[in-house]
Amino acid sequence: MKSQKNLEHNNAQLNFIYDWLITIRIALILFCFVFIVHVLLQPFDTQQPTTLGDVLELAGYGFIVFTSYLIVHAIEL
């Protein structure tokens, strides 16, 4: 009960990340997550990638997330 009371009165705010290295690390983590989800879970009925072209095609989804995150960060600065 006490911790909930502290949360209600605490005006905690998330700080904006100005450092590009941290932003790039977060974008790389998102890239890896999206790539692994596409390879392992195979959404949209993707088949098991057998050639390098198939793997690069699935990595393209992660690349889109990576570049989008960096573009949004640049706009917010």
PDB file of N, CA and C in Angstrom:
ATOM      1  N   MET A   1       0.820  -1.187   0.000  1.00  0.00           N
ATOM      2  CA  MET A   1       0.000   0.000   0.000  1.00  0.00           C
ATOM      3  C   MET A   1       0.866   1.253   0.000  1.00  0.00           C
ATOM      4  N   LYS A   2       1.963   1.195   0.749  1.00  0.00           N
ATOM      5  CA  LYS A   2       2.828   2.355   0.834  1.00  0.00           C
ATOM      6  C   LYS A   2       3.500   2.656  -0.508  1.00  0.00           C
ATOM      7  N   SER A   3       3.925   1.603  -1.228  1.00  0.00           N
ATOM      8  CA  SER A   3       4.577   1.823  -2.519  1.00  0.00           C
ATOM      9  C   SER A   3       3.600   2.410  -3.535  1.00  0.00           C
ATOM     10  N   GLN A   4       2.348   2.003  -3.488  1.00  0.00           N
ATOM     11  CA  GLN A   4       1.347   2.563  -4.392  1.00  0.00           C
ATOM     12  C   GLN A   4       1.109   4.034  -4.070  1.00  0.00           C
ATOM     13  N   LYS A   5       1.130   4.372  -2.801  1.00  0.00           N
ATOM     14  CA  LYS A   5       0.949   5.760  -2.393  1.00  0.00           C
ATOM     15  C   LYS A   5       2.116   6.616  -2.894  1.00  0.00           C
ATOM     16  N   ASN A   6       3.324   6.080  -2.839  1.00  0.00           N
ATOM     17  CA  ASN A   6       4.489   6.808  -3.343  1.00  0.00           C
ATOM     18  C   ASN A   6       4.409   7.018  -4.842  1.00  0.00           C
ATOM     19  N   LEU A   7       3.885   6.048  -5.561  1.00  0.00           N
ATOM     20  CA  LEU A   7       3.773   6.171  -7.009  1.00  0.00           C
ATOM     21  C   LEU A   7       2.763   7.247  -7.402  1.00  0.00           C
ATOM     22  N   GLU A   8       1.722   7.382  -6.623  1.00  0.00           N
ATOM     23  CA  GLU A   8       0.704   8.373  -6.947  1.00  0.00           C
ATOM     24  C   GLU A   8       1.223   9.797  -6.774  1.00  0.00           C
ATOM     25  N   HIS A   9       2.088  10.009  -5.811  1.00  0.00           N
ATOM     26  CA  HIS A   9       2.570  11.351  -5.523  1.00  0.00           C
ATOM     27  C   HIS A   9       3.888  11.669  -6.211  1.00  0.00           C
ATOM     28  N   ASN A  10       4.463  10.702  -6.849  1.00  0.00           N
ATOM     29  CA  ASN A  10       5.746  10.906  -7.510  1.00  0.00           C
ATOM     30  C   ASN A  10       5.501  11.411  -8.929  1.00  0.00           C
ATOM     31  N   ASN A  11       6.067  12.538  -9.262  1.00  0.00           N
ATOM     32  CA  ASN A  11       5.935  13.080 -10.609  1.00  0.00           C
ATOM     33  C   ASN A  11       7.129  12.657 -11.458  1.00  0.00           C
ATOM     34  N   ALA A  12       7.331  11.361 -11.545  1.00  0.00           N
ATOM     35  CA  ALA A  12       8.460  10.840 -12.305  1.00  0.00           C
ATOM     36  C   ALA A  12       8.189  11.016 -13.792  1.00  0.00           C
ATOM     37  N   GLN A  13       9.220  11.428 -14.481  1.00  0.00           N
ATOM     38  CA  GLN A  13       9.100  11.643 -15.917  1.00  0.00           C
ATOM     39  C   GLN A  13      10.272  10.959 -16.597  1.00  0.00           C
ATOM     40  N   LEU A  14      10.010  10.323 -17.723  1.00  0.00           N
ATOM     41  CA  LEU A  14      11.080   9.691 -18.478  1.00  0.00           C
ATOM     42  C   LEU A  14      11.896  10.761 -19.180  1.00  0.00           C
ATOM     43  N   ASN A  15      13.189  10.661 -19.061  1.00  0.00           N
ATOM     44  CA  ASN A  15      14.060  11.626 -19.716  1.00  0.00           C
ATOM     45  C   ASN A  15      14.273  11.249 -21.170  1.00  0.00           C
ATOM     46  N   PHE A  16      14.397  12.260 -22.007  1.00  0.00           N
ATOM     47  CA  PHE A  16      14.678  12.036 -23.419  1.00  0.00           C
ATOM     48  C   PHE A  16      16.137  11.645 -23.569  1.00  0.00           C
ATOM     49  N   ILE A  17      16.420  10.689 -24.432  1.00  0.00           N
ATOM     50  CA  ILE A  17      17.786  10.218 -24.645  1.00  0.00           C
ATOM     51  C   ILE A  17      18.403  11.040 -25.768  1.00  0.00           C
ATOM     52  N   TYR A  18      19.407  11.834 -25.429  1.00  0.00           N
ATOM     53  CA  TYR A  18      20.075  12.664 -26.420  1.00  0.00           C
ATOM     54  C   TYR A  18      21.271  11.960 -27.058  1.00  0.00           C
ATOM     55  N   ASP A  19      21.788  10.950 -26.402  1.00  0.00           N
ATOM     56  CA  ASP A  19      22.985  10.272 -26.874  1.00  0.00           C
ATOM     57  C   ASP A  19      22.657   9.362 -28.060  1.00  0.00           C
ATOM     58  N   TRP A  20      23.371   9.558 -29.161  1.00  0.00           N
ATOM     59  CA  TRP A  20      23.130   8.759 -30.364  1.00  0.00           C
ATOM     60  C   TRP A  20      23.565   7.312 -30.190  1.00  0.00           C
ATOM     61  N   LEU A  21      24.596   7.059 -29.388  1.00  0.00           N
ATOM     62  CA  LEU A  21      25.051   5.680 -29.204  1.00  0.00           C
ATOM     63  C   LEU A  21      23.988   4.830 -28.512  1.00  0.00           C
ATOM     64  N   ILE A  22      23.333   5.383 -27.529  1.00  0.00           N
ATOM     65  CA  ILE A  22      22.261   4.651 -26.852  1.00  0.00           C
ATOM     66  C   ILE A  22      21.098   4.424 -27.812  1.00  0.00           C
ATOM     67  N   THR A  23      20.793   5.433 -28.615  1.00  0.00           N
ATOM     68  CA  THR A  23      19.709   5.303 -29.587  1.00  0.00           C
ATOM     69  C   THR A  23      20.020   4.218 -30.609  1.00  0.00           C
ATOM     70  N   ILE A  24      21.260   4.173 -31.067  1.00  0.00           N
ATOM     71  CA  ILE A  24      21.646   3.143 -32.038  1.00  0.00           C
ATOM     72  C   ILE A  24      21.596   1.759 -31.402  1.00  0.00           C
ATOM     73  N   ARG A  25      21.993   1.641 -30.145  1.00  0.00           N
ATOM     74  CA  ARG A  25      21.905   0.349 -29.451  1.00  0.00           C
ATOM     75  C   ARG A  25      20.456  -0.115 -29.336  1.00  0.00           C
ATOM     76  N   ILE A  26      19.569   0.794 -28.983  1.00  0.00           N
ATOM     77  CA  ILE A  26      18.151   0.442 -28.885  1.00  0.00           C
ATOM     78  C   ILE A  26      17.621   0.019 -30.254  1.00  0.00           C
ATOM     79  N   ALA A  27      18.007   0.746 -31.303  1.00  0.00           N
ATOM     80  CA  ALA A  27      17.563   0.404 -32.655  1.00  0.00           C
ATOM     81  C   ALA A  27      18.099  -0.960 -33.077  1.00  0.00           C
ATOM     82  N   LEU A  28      19.333  -1.290 -32.707  1.00  0.00           N
ATOM     83  CA  LEU A  28      19.889  -2.607 -33.036  1.00  0.00           C
ATOM     84  C   LEU A  28      19.160  -3.727 -32.291  1.00  0.00           C
ATOM     85  N   ILE A  29      18.785  -3.465 -31.052  1.00  0.00           N
ATOM     86  CA  ILE A  29      18.019  -4.463 -30.299  1.00  0.00           C
ATOM     87  C   ILE A  29      16.664  -4.694 -30.965  1.00  0.00           C
ATOM     88  N   LEU A  30      16.015  -3.619 -31.391  1.00  0.00           N
ATOM     89  CA  LEU A  30      14.735  -3.759 -32.098  1.00  0.00           C
ATOM     90  C   LEU A  30      14.914  -4.502 -33.416  1.00  0.00           C
ATOM     91  N   PHE A  31      16.010  -4.192 -34.139  1.00  0.00           N
ATOM     92  CA  PHE A  31      16.306  -4.888 -35.391  1.00  0.00           C
ATOM     93  C   PHE A  31      16.438  -6.386 -35.156  1.00  0.00           C
ATOM     94  N   CYS A  32      17.226  -6.761 -34.151  1.00  0.00           N
ATOM     95  CA  CYS A  32      17.424  -8.187 -33.852  1.00  0.00           C
ATOM     96  C   CYS A  32      16.119  -8.856 -33.442  1.00  0.00           C
ATOM     97  N   PHE A  33      15.331  -8.179 -32.635  1.00  0.00           N
ATOM     98  CA  PHE A  33      14.061  -8.747 -32.193  1.00  0.00           C
ATOM     99  C   PHE A  33      13.126  -9.003 -33.379  1.00  0.00           C
ATOM    100  N   VAL A  34      12.988  -8.024 -34.255  1.00  0.00           N
ATOM    101  CA  VAL A  34      12.094  -8.182 -35.413  1.00  0.00           C
ATOM    102  C   VAL A  34      12.617  -9.284 -36.340  1.00  0.00           C
ATOM    103  N   PHE A  35      13.924  -9.326 -36.559  1.00  0.00           N
ATOM    104  CA  PHE A  35      14.505 -10.352 -37.419  1.00  0.00           C
ATOM    105  C   PHE A  35      14.290 -11.743 -36.844  1.00  0.00           C
ATOM    106  N   ILE A  36      14.522 -11.909 -35.557  1.00  0.00           N
ATOM    107  CA  ILE A  36      14.354 -13.225 -34.924  1.00  0.00           C
ATOM    108  C   ILE A  36      12.893 -13.655 -34.948  1.00  0.00           C
ATOM    109  N   VAL A  37      11.981 -12.710 -34.717  1.00  0.00           N
ATOM    110  CA  VAL A  37      10.556 -13.051 -34.772  1.00  0.00           C
ATOM    111  C   VAL A  37      10.179 -13.520 -36.171  1.00  0.00           C
ATOM    112  N   HIS A  38      10.690 -12.863 -37.195  1.00  0.00           N
ATOM    113  CA  HIS A  38      10.351 -13.262 -38.562  1.00  0.00           C
ATOM    114  C   HIS A  38      10.966 -14.606 -38.936  1.00  0.00           C
ATOM    115  N   VAL A  39      12.163 -14.878 -38.455  1.00  0.00           N
ATOM    116  CA  VAL A  39      12.805 -16.146 -38.814  1.00  0.00           C
ATOM    117  C   VAL A  39      12.215 -17.305 -38.018  1.00  0.00           C
ATOM    118  N   LEU A  40      12.029 -17.126 -36.714  1.00  0.00           N
ATOM    119  CA  LEU A  40      11.590 -18.240 -35.877  1.00  0.00           C
ATOM    120  C   LEU A  40      10.079 -18.446 -35.869  1.00  0.00           C
ATOM    121  N   LEU A  41       9.322 -17.377 -35.753  1.00  0.00           N
ATOM    122  CA  LEU A  41       7.870 -17.526 -35.657  1.00  0.00           C
ATOM    123  C   LEU A  41       7.181 -17.583 -37.011  1.00  0.00           C
ATOM    124  N   GLN A  42       7.838 -17.106 -38.029  1.00  0.00           N
ATOM    125  CA  GLN A  42       7.360 -17.141 -39.410  1.00  0.00           C
ATOM    126  C   GLN A  42       5.947 -16.578 -39.565  1.00  0.00           C
ATOM    127  N   PRO A  43       5.761 -15.297 -39.205  1.00  0.00           N
ATOM    128  CA  PRO A  43       4.443 -14.701 -39.442  1.00  0.00           C
ATOM    129  C   PRO A  43       4.225 -14.472 -40.931  1.00  0.00           C
ATOM    130  N   PHE A  44       3.031 -14.218 -41.315  1.00  0.00           N
ATOM    131  CA  PHE A  44       2.667 -13.967 -42.709  1.00  0.00           C
ATOM    132  C   PHE A  44       3.011 -15.152 -43.600  1.00  0.00           C
ATOM    133  N   ASP A  45       3.068 -16.359 -43.002  1.00  0.00           N
ATOM    134  CA  ASP A  45       3.305 -17.607 -43.734  1.00  0.00           C
ATOM    135  C   ASP A  45       4.624 -17.576 -44.498  1.00  0.00           C
ATOM    136  N   THR A  46       5.673 -17.028 -43.904  1.00  0.00           N
ATOM    137  CA  THR A  46       6.993 -17.076 -44.527  1.00  0.00           C
ATOM    138  C   THR A  46       7.568 -18.466 -44.317  1.00  0.00           C
ATOM    139  N   GLN A  47       8.214 -18.980 -45.307  1.00  0.00           N
ATOM    140  CA  GLN A  47       8.825 -20.301 -45.219  1.00  0.00           C
ATOM    141  C   GLN A  47      10.200 -20.180 -44.565  1.00  0.00           C
ATOM    142  N   GLN A  48      10.749 -21.304 -44.168  1.00  0.00           N
ATOM    143  CA  GLN A  48      12.083 -21.315 -43.577  1.00  0.00           C
ATOM    144  C   GLN A  48      13.078 -20.801 -44.616  1.00  0.00           C
ATOM    145  N   PRO A  49      13.845 -19.743 -44.284  1.00  0.00           N
ATOM    146  CA  PRO A  49      14.775 -19.202 -45.270  1.00  0.00           C
ATOM    147  C   PRO A  49      15.871 -20.211 -45.611  1.00  0.00           C
ATOM    148  N   THR A  50      16.062 -20.453 -46.899  1.00  0.00           N
ATOM    149  CA  THR A  50      17.042 -21.440 -47.327  1.00  0.00           C
ATOM    150  C   THR A  50      18.232 -20.795 -48.020  1.00  0.00           C
ATOM    151  N   THR A  51      18.047 -19.639 -48.615  1.00  0.00           N
ATOM    152  CA  THR A  51      19.150 -18.984 -49.302  1.00  0.00           C
ATOM    153  C   THR A  51      19.471 -17.663 -48.625  1.00  0.00           C
ATOM    154  N   LEU A  52      20.589 -17.088 -49.007  1.00  0.00           N
ATOM    155  CA  LEU A  52      20.998 -15.807 -48.448  1.00  0.00           C
ATOM    156  C   LEU A  52      20.001 -14.709 -48.817  1.00  0.00           C
ATOM    157  N   GLY A  53      19.427 -14.796 -49.994  1.00  0.00           N
ATOM    158  CA  GLY A  53      18.431 -13.815 -50.417  1.00  0.00           C
ATOM    159  C   GLY A  53      17.196 -13.835 -49.541  1.00  0.00           C
ATOM    160  N   ASP A  54      16.781 -15.027 -49.123  1.00  0.00           N
ATOM    161  CA  ASP A  54      15.622 -15.138 -48.231  1.00  0.00           C
ATOM    162  C   ASP A  54      15.910 -14.522 -46.862  1.00  0.00           C
ATOM    163  N   VAL A  55      17.106 -14.749 -46.362  1.00  0.00           N
ATOM    164  CA  VAL A  55      17.478 -14.188 -45.071  1.00  0.00           C
ATOM    165  C   VAL A  55      17.553 -12.670 -45.156  1.00  0.00           C
ATOM    166  N   LEU A  56      18.128 -12.147 -46.238  1.00  0.00           N
ATOM    167  CA  LEU A  56      18.207 -10.697 -46.405  1.00  0.00           C
ATOM    168  C   LEU A  56      16.827 -10.078 -46.574  1.00  0.00           C
ATOM    169  N   GLU A  57      15.930 -10.801 -47.206  1.00  0.00           N
ATOM    170  CA  GLU A  57      14.565 -10.301 -47.353  1.00  0.00           C
ATOM    171  C   GLU A  57      13.883 -10.179 -45.987  1.00  0.00           C
ATOM    172  N   LEU A  58      14.072 -11.159 -45.117  1.00  0.00           N
ATOM    173  CA  LEU A  58      13.501 -11.089 -43.773  1.00  0.00           C
ATOM    174  C   LEU A  58      14.212 -10.041 -42.927  1.00  0.00           C
ATOM    175  N   ALA A  59      15.507  -9.830 -43.165  1.00  0.00           N
ATOM    176  CA  ALA A  59      16.246  -8.793 -42.438  1.00  0.00           C
ATOM    177  C   ALA A  59      15.784  -7.405 -42.853  1.00  0.00           C
ATOM    178  N   GLY A  60      15.173  -7.288 -44.010  1.00  0.00           N
ATOM    179  CA  GLY A  60      14.671  -5.999 -44.470  1.00  0.00           C
ATOM    180  C   GLY A  60      13.618  -5.419 -43.544  1.00  0.00           C
ATOM    181  N   TYR A  61      12.805  -6.273 -42.952  1.00  0.00           N
ATOM    182  CA  TYR A  61      11.802  -5.796 -41.999  1.00  0.00           C
ATOM    183  C   TYR A  61      12.484  -5.157 -40.784  1.00  0.00           C
ATOM    184  N   GLY A  62      13.528  -5.801 -40.297  1.00  0.00           N
ATOM    185  CA  GLY A  62      14.280  -5.237 -39.181  1.00  0.00           C
ATOM    186  C   GLY A  62      14.970  -3.944 -39.569  1.00  0.00           C
ATOM    187  N   PHE A  63      15.461  -3.868 -40.799  1.00  0.00           N
ATOM    188  CA  PHE A  63      16.123  -2.652 -41.279  1.00  0.00           C
ATOM    189  C   PHE A  63      15.135  -1.488 -41.338  1.00  0.00           C
ATOM    190  N   ILE A  64      13.909  -1.767 -41.733  1.00  0.00           N
ATOM    191  CA  ILE A  64      12.878  -0.724 -41.766  1.00  0.00           C
ATOM    192  C   ILE A  64      12.623  -0.190 -40.357  1.00  0.00           C
ATOM    193  N   VAL A  65      12.537  -1.075 -39.372  1.00  0.00           N
ATOM    194  CA  VAL A  65      12.335  -0.648 -37.984  1.00  0.00           C
ATOM    195  C   VAL A  65      13.542   0.151 -37.502  1.00  0.00           C
ATOM    196  N   PHE A  66      14.741  -0.313 -37.836  1.00  0.00           N
ATOM    197  CA  PHE A  66      15.976   0.359 -37.439  1.00  0.00           C
ATOM    198  C   PHE A  66      16.041   1.783 -37.975  1.00  0.00           C
ATOM    199  N   THR A  67      15.814   1.945 -39.264  1.00  0.00           N
ATOM    200  CA  THR A  67      15.896   3.280 -39.861  1.00  0.00           C
ATOM    201  C   THR A  67      14.747   4.181 -39.388  1.00  0.00           C
ATOM    202  N   SER A  68      13.580   3.615 -39.207  1.00  0.00           N
ATOM    203  CA  SER A  68      12.451   4.412 -38.724  1.00  0.00           C
ATOM    204  C   SER A  68      12.722   4.956 -37.329  1.00  0.00           C
ATOM    205  N   TYR A  69      13.299   4.136 -36.471  1.00  0.00           N
ATOM    206  CA  TYR A  69      13.605   4.570 -35.111  1.00  0.00           C
ATOM    207  C   TYR A  69      14.629   5.699 -35.127  1.00  0.00           C
ATOM    208  N   LEU A  70      15.651   5.583 -35.974  1.00  0.00           N
ATOM    209  CA  LEU A  70      16.669   6.628 -36.056  1.00  0.00           C
ATOM    210  C   LEU A  70      16.105   7.914 -36.659  1.00  0.00           C
ATOM    211  N   ILE A  71      15.229   7.802 -37.632  1.00  0.00           N
ATOM    212  CA  ILE A  71      14.629   8.996 -38.242  1.00  0.00           C
ATOM    213  C   ILE A  71      13.753   9.715 -37.235  1.00  0.00           C
ATOM    214  N   VAL A  72      12.958   8.974 -36.480  1.00  0.00           N
ATOM    215  CA  VAL A  72      12.093   9.596 -35.470  1.00  0.00           C
ATOM    216  C   VAL A  72      12.936  10.266 -34.392  1.00  0.00           C
ATOM    217  N   HIS A  73      14.039   9.649 -34.014  1.00  0.00           N
ATOM    218  CA  HIS A  73      14.910  10.259 -33.013  1.00  0.00           C
ATOM    219  C   HIS A  73      15.511  11.561 -33.541  1.00  0.00           C
ATOM    220  N   ALA A  74      15.917  11.570 -34.807  1.00  0.00           N
ATOM    221  CA  ALA A  74      16.483  12.777 -35.394  1.00  0.00           C
ATOM    222  C   ALA A  74      15.444  13.891 -35.468  1.00  0.00           C
ATOM    223  N   ILE A  75      14.219  13.551 -35.780  1.00  0.00           N
ATOM    224  CA  ILE A  75      13.143  14.559 -35.857  1.00  0.00           C
ATOM    225  C   ILE A  75      12.847  15.119 -34.464  1.00  0.00           C
ATOM    226  N   GLU A  76      12.868  14.262 -33.447  1.00  0.00           N
ATOM    227  CA  GLU A  76      12.571  14.730 -32.098  1.00  0.00           C
ATOM    228  C   GLU A  76      13.651  15.639 -31.536  1.00  0.00           C
ATOM    229  N   LEU A  77      14.880  15.497 -32.026  1.00  0.00           N
ATOM    230  CA  LEU A  77      15.946  16.386 -31.545  1.00  0.00           C
ATOM    231  C   LEU A  77      15.654  17.789 -32.016  1.00  0.00           C
TER     232      LEU A  77
END
